[in-house]
Amino acid sequence: MSNPSKRSYLETGVVLGWITGLLTFIAAYIYCIATYGFLFGLGLGWLPSGILAAIVGGLTVFLWGPAIVAAKRTVVFANVVVQM
């Protein structure tokens, strides 16, 4: 049998991976269109945008937990520094 907490961690990661992958694709596609013009950006911009989105989405599946822990520690550290 599989560990329920491990399964829910991966299921959450897959959902977050799809969301971040989609947002990355949209942002990179808009960047390609703005940078390389309408013809090249619209026609060929989907390729690097798709590659980047696949990388970011794939990494998010497994690294969303440590990213939240690091962000939480950063916020706690910033609060301590401000209070001193």
N, C-alpha and C. Protein backbone atom coordinates (compact mmCIF):
# COMPACT_ATOMS: atom_id res chain seq x y z
N MET A 1 0.83 -1.19 0.00
CA MET A 1 0.00 0.00 0.00
C MET A 1 0.88 1.25 0.00
N SER A 2 0.36 2.31 -0.59
CA SER A 2 1.12 3.55 -0.65
C SER A 2 0.81 4.41 0.57
N ASN A 3 1.74 5.25 0.89
CA ASN A 3 1.60 6.15 2.02
C ASN A 3 0.64 7.29 1.63
N PRO A 4 -0.46 7.49 2.38
CA PRO A 4 -1.43 8.53 2.00
C PRO A 4 -0.84 9.93 1.99
N SER A 5 0.07 10.23 2.91
CA SER A 5 0.63 11.58 2.94
C SER A 5 1.54 11.83 1.74
N LYS A 6 2.27 10.79 1.32
CA LYS A 6 3.11 10.94 0.14
C LYS A 6 2.26 11.10 -1.11
N ARG A 7 1.16 10.35 -1.17
CA ARG A 7 0.28 10.44 -2.33
C ARG A 7 -0.37 11.82 -2.41
N SER A 8 -0.82 12.35 -1.29
CA SER A 8 -1.46 13.67 -1.32
C SER A 8 -0.44 14.76 -1.63
N TYR A 9 0.82 14.59 -1.20
CA TYR A 9 1.87 15.54 -1.53
C TYR A 9 2.08 15.59 -3.04
N LEU A 10 2.15 14.43 -3.68
CA LEU A 10 2.34 14.39 -5.12
C LEU A 10 1.10 14.88 -5.88
N GLU A 11 -0.09 14.56 -5.38
CA GLU A 11 -1.31 15.05 -6.04
C GLU A 11 -1.38 16.57 -5.98
N THR A 12 -1.03 17.14 -4.84
CA THR A 12 -1.00 18.59 -4.72
C THR A 12 0.07 19.17 -5.63
N GLY A 13 1.21 18.52 -5.70
CA GLY A 13 2.29 18.97 -6.57
C GLY A 13 1.90 18.94 -8.04
N VAL A 14 1.15 17.93 -8.44
CA VAL A 14 0.72 17.84 -9.84
C VAL A 14 -0.22 18.99 -10.17
N VAL A 15 -1.15 19.28 -9.28
CA VAL A 15 -2.08 20.40 -9.52
C VAL A 15 -1.31 21.72 -9.59
N LEU A 16 -0.42 21.94 -8.63
CA LEU A 16 0.38 23.17 -8.64
C LEU A 16 1.32 23.21 -9.85
N GLY A 17 1.83 22.06 -10.26
CA GLY A 17 2.69 21.99 -11.43
C GLY A 17 1.97 22.40 -12.71
N TRP A 18 0.74 21.93 -12.87
CA TRP A 18 -0.04 22.33 -14.04
C TRP A 18 -0.35 23.83 -14.02
N ILE A 19 -0.67 24.34 -12.84
CA ILE A 19 -0.98 25.78 -12.74
C ILE A 19 0.24 26.62 -13.05
N THR A 20 1.38 26.29 -12.43
CA THR A 20 2.59 27.09 -12.67
C THR A 20 3.09 26.89 -14.10
N GLY A 21 2.94 25.69 -14.64
CA GLY A 21 3.34 25.46 -16.02
C GLY A 21 2.52 26.28 -17.00
N LEU A 22 1.22 26.32 -16.78
CA LEU A 22 0.34 27.10 -17.65
C LEU A 22 0.65 28.60 -17.55
N LEU A 23 0.81 29.09 -16.34
CA LEU A 23 1.13 30.51 -16.16
C LEU A 23 2.49 30.86 -16.76
N THR A 24 3.45 29.95 -16.62
CA THR A 24 4.77 30.17 -17.21
C THR A 24 4.69 30.20 -18.73
N PHE A 25 3.92 29.28 -19.30
CA PHE A 25 3.76 29.26 -20.75
C PHE A 25 3.17 30.56 -21.26
N ILE A 26 2.11 31.03 -20.61
CA ILE A 26 1.46 32.26 -21.04
C ILE A 26 2.41 33.44 -20.94
N ALA A 27 3.11 33.54 -19.82
CA ALA A 27 4.04 34.67 -19.63
C ALA A 27 5.19 34.62 -20.63
N ALA A 28 5.75 33.44 -20.85
CA ALA A 28 6.87 33.32 -21.79
C ALA A 28 6.42 33.56 -23.23
N TYR A 29 5.22 33.16 -23.56
CA TYR A 29 4.69 33.37 -24.91
C TYR A 29 4.47 34.86 -25.17
N ILE A 30 3.93 35.55 -24.18
CA ILE A 30 3.76 37.00 -24.31
C ILE A 30 5.12 37.68 -24.43
N TYR A 31 6.10 37.22 -23.66
CA TYR A 31 7.45 37.78 -23.74
C TYR A 31 8.05 37.57 -25.13
N CYS A 32 7.88 36.38 -25.68
CA CYS A 32 8.41 36.11 -27.03
C CYS A 32 7.75 37.00 -28.07
N ILE A 33 6.46 37.19 -27.98
CA ILE A 33 5.77 38.05 -28.94
C ILE A 33 6.26 39.49 -28.81
N ALA A 34 6.43 39.97 -27.56
CA ALA A 34 6.87 41.34 -27.34
C ALA A 34 8.32 41.54 -27.77
N THR A 35 9.15 40.53 -27.60
CA THR A 35 10.58 40.66 -27.88
C THR A 35 10.89 40.46 -29.36
N TYR A 36 10.33 39.42 -29.96
CA TYR A 36 10.71 39.05 -31.32
C TYR A 36 9.71 39.49 -32.38
N GLY A 37 8.69 40.22 -31.99
CA GLY A 37 7.73 40.72 -32.96
C GLY A 37 6.58 39.75 -33.17
N PHE A 38 5.60 40.24 -33.88
CA PHE A 38 4.38 39.46 -34.07
C PHE A 38 4.62 38.20 -34.89
N LEU A 39 5.38 38.30 -35.96
CA LEU A 39 5.57 37.16 -36.86
C LEU A 39 6.36 36.04 -36.20
N PHE A 40 7.57 36.34 -35.73
CA PHE A 40 8.40 35.30 -35.13
C PHE A 40 7.92 34.91 -33.73
N GLY A 41 7.49 35.88 -32.96
CA GLY A 41 7.04 35.59 -31.60
C GLY A 41 5.80 34.74 -31.56
N LEU A 42 4.84 35.07 -32.39
CA LEU A 42 3.59 34.30 -32.42
C LEU A 42 3.80 32.95 -33.12
N GLY A 43 4.60 32.95 -34.16
CA GLY A 43 4.79 31.72 -34.92
C GLY A 43 5.71 30.72 -34.26
N LEU A 44 6.79 31.19 -33.65
CA LEU A 44 7.78 30.28 -33.08
C LEU A 44 7.92 30.38 -31.56
N GLY A 45 7.24 31.32 -30.95
CA GLY A 45 7.38 31.53 -29.51
C GLY A 45 6.83 30.41 -28.66
N TRP A 46 5.95 29.60 -29.21
CA TRP A 46 5.37 28.51 -28.44
C TRP A 46 6.41 27.44 -28.09
N LEU A 47 7.45 27.31 -28.92
CA LEU A 47 8.44 26.26 -28.68
C LEU A 47 9.27 26.52 -27.41
N PRO A 48 9.96 27.66 -27.29
CA PRO A 48 10.69 27.89 -26.04
C PRO A 48 9.75 28.06 -24.85
N SER A 49 8.55 28.58 -25.09
CA SER A 49 7.59 28.74 -24.00
C SER A 49 7.16 27.37 -23.47
N GLY A 50 6.93 26.44 -24.36
CA GLY A 50 6.55 25.09 -23.95
C GLY A 50 7.65 24.36 -23.22
N ILE A 51 8.88 24.53 -23.68
CA ILE A 51 10.01 23.89 -23.00
C ILE A 51 10.18 24.45 -21.60
N LEU A 52 10.13 25.77 -21.47
CA LEU A 52 10.26 26.39 -20.15
C LEU A 52 9.11 26.00 -19.24
N ALA A 53 7.90 25.97 -19.77
CA ALA A 53 6.74 25.59 -18.96
C ALA A 53 6.85 24.15 -18.48
N ALA A 54 7.35 23.25 -19.32
CA ALA A 54 7.52 21.85 -18.91
C ALA A 54 8.56 21.71 -17.80
N ILE A 55 9.63 22.47 -17.91
CA ILE A 55 10.67 22.43 -16.87
C ILE A 55 10.14 22.97 -15.55
N VAL A 56 9.51 24.14 -15.60
CA VAL A 56 8.99 24.76 -14.37
C VAL A 56 7.88 23.91 -13.75
N GLY A 57 6.97 23.41 -14.57
CA GLY A 57 5.90 22.56 -14.05
C GLY A 57 6.42 21.27 -13.46
N GLY A 58 7.40 20.66 -14.13
CA GLY A 58 7.98 19.42 -13.61
C GLY A 58 8.72 19.61 -12.30
N LEU A 59 9.42 20.71 -12.18
CA LEU A 59 10.13 20.99 -10.92
C LEU A 59 9.16 21.34 -9.80
N THR A 60 8.06 21.99 -10.13
CA THR A 60 7.08 22.37 -9.11
C THR A 60 6.44 21.14 -8.47
N VAL A 61 6.26 20.08 -9.23
CA VAL A 61 5.64 18.87 -8.70
C VAL A 61 6.39 18.37 -7.47
N PHE A 62 7.69 18.42 -7.50
CA PHE A 62 8.48 17.86 -6.40
C PHE A 62 9.04 18.91 -5.44
N LEU A 63 9.14 20.16 -5.87
CA LEU A 63 9.80 21.16 -5.04
C LEU A 63 8.86 22.21 -4.45
N TRP A 64 7.57 22.01 -4.51
CA TRP A 64 6.66 23.02 -3.95
C TRP A 64 6.73 23.03 -2.44
N GLY A 65 6.95 21.91 -1.80
CA GLY A 65 7.04 21.86 -0.33
C GLY A 65 8.24 22.61 0.21
N PRO A 66 9.46 22.30 -0.28
CA PRO A 66 10.62 23.06 0.20
C PRO A 66 10.55 24.54 -0.12
N ALA A 67 9.90 24.91 -1.22
CA ALA A 67 9.75 26.34 -1.55
C ALA A 67 8.87 27.04 -0.52
N ILE A 68 7.82 26.38 -0.06
CA ILE A 68 6.95 26.99 0.96
C ILE A 68 7.69 27.11 2.28
N VAL A 69 8.45 26.08 2.66
CA VAL A 69 9.22 26.14 3.89
C VAL A 69 10.25 27.26 3.83
N ALA A 70 10.93 27.40 2.70
CA ALA A 70 11.92 28.47 2.55
C ALA A 70 11.26 29.84 2.60
N ALA A 71 10.10 29.99 1.99
CA ALA A 71 9.40 31.27 2.02
C ALA A 71 8.94 31.60 3.43
N LYS A 72 8.49 30.60 4.16
CA LYS A 72 8.04 30.83 5.53
C LYS A 72 9.22 31.24 6.41
N ARG A 73 10.35 30.59 6.26
CA ARG A 73 11.54 30.96 7.04
C ARG A 73 12.00 32.36 6.69
N THR A 74 11.90 32.75 5.44
CA THR A 74 12.29 34.09 5.03
C THR A 74 11.40 35.13 5.68
N VAL A 75 10.10 34.87 5.73
CA VAL A 75 9.17 35.81 6.35
C VAL A 75 9.44 35.91 7.84
N VAL A 76 9.68 34.78 8.50
CA VAL A 76 9.98 34.79 9.94
C VAL A 76 11.28 35.55 10.17
N PHE A 77 12.29 35.31 9.36
CA PHE A 77 13.57 36.00 9.50
C PHE A 77 13.41 37.50 9.28
N ALA A 78 12.61 37.89 8.31
CA ALA A 78 12.38 39.32 8.04
C ALA A 78 11.66 39.97 9.23
N ASN A 79 10.73 39.28 9.85
CA ASN A 79 10.04 39.83 11.01
C ASN A 79 10.98 40.02 12.19
N VAL A 80 11.91 39.07 12.39
CA VAL A 80 12.87 39.20 13.46
C VAL A 80 13.81 40.36 13.21
N VAL A 81 14.27 40.54 12.01
CA VAL A 81 15.17 41.63 11.66
C VAL A 81 14.47 42.97 11.86
N VAL A 82 13.20 43.08 11.47
CA VAL A 82 12.48 44.33 11.59
C VAL A 82 12.25 44.68 13.07
N GLN A 83 12.00 43.68 13.91
CA GLN A 83 11.73 43.93 15.31
C GLN A 83 12.98 44.33 16.08
N MET A 84 14.15 43.99 15.59
CA MET A 84 15.38 44.33 16.30
C MET A 84 15.64 45.75 16.10
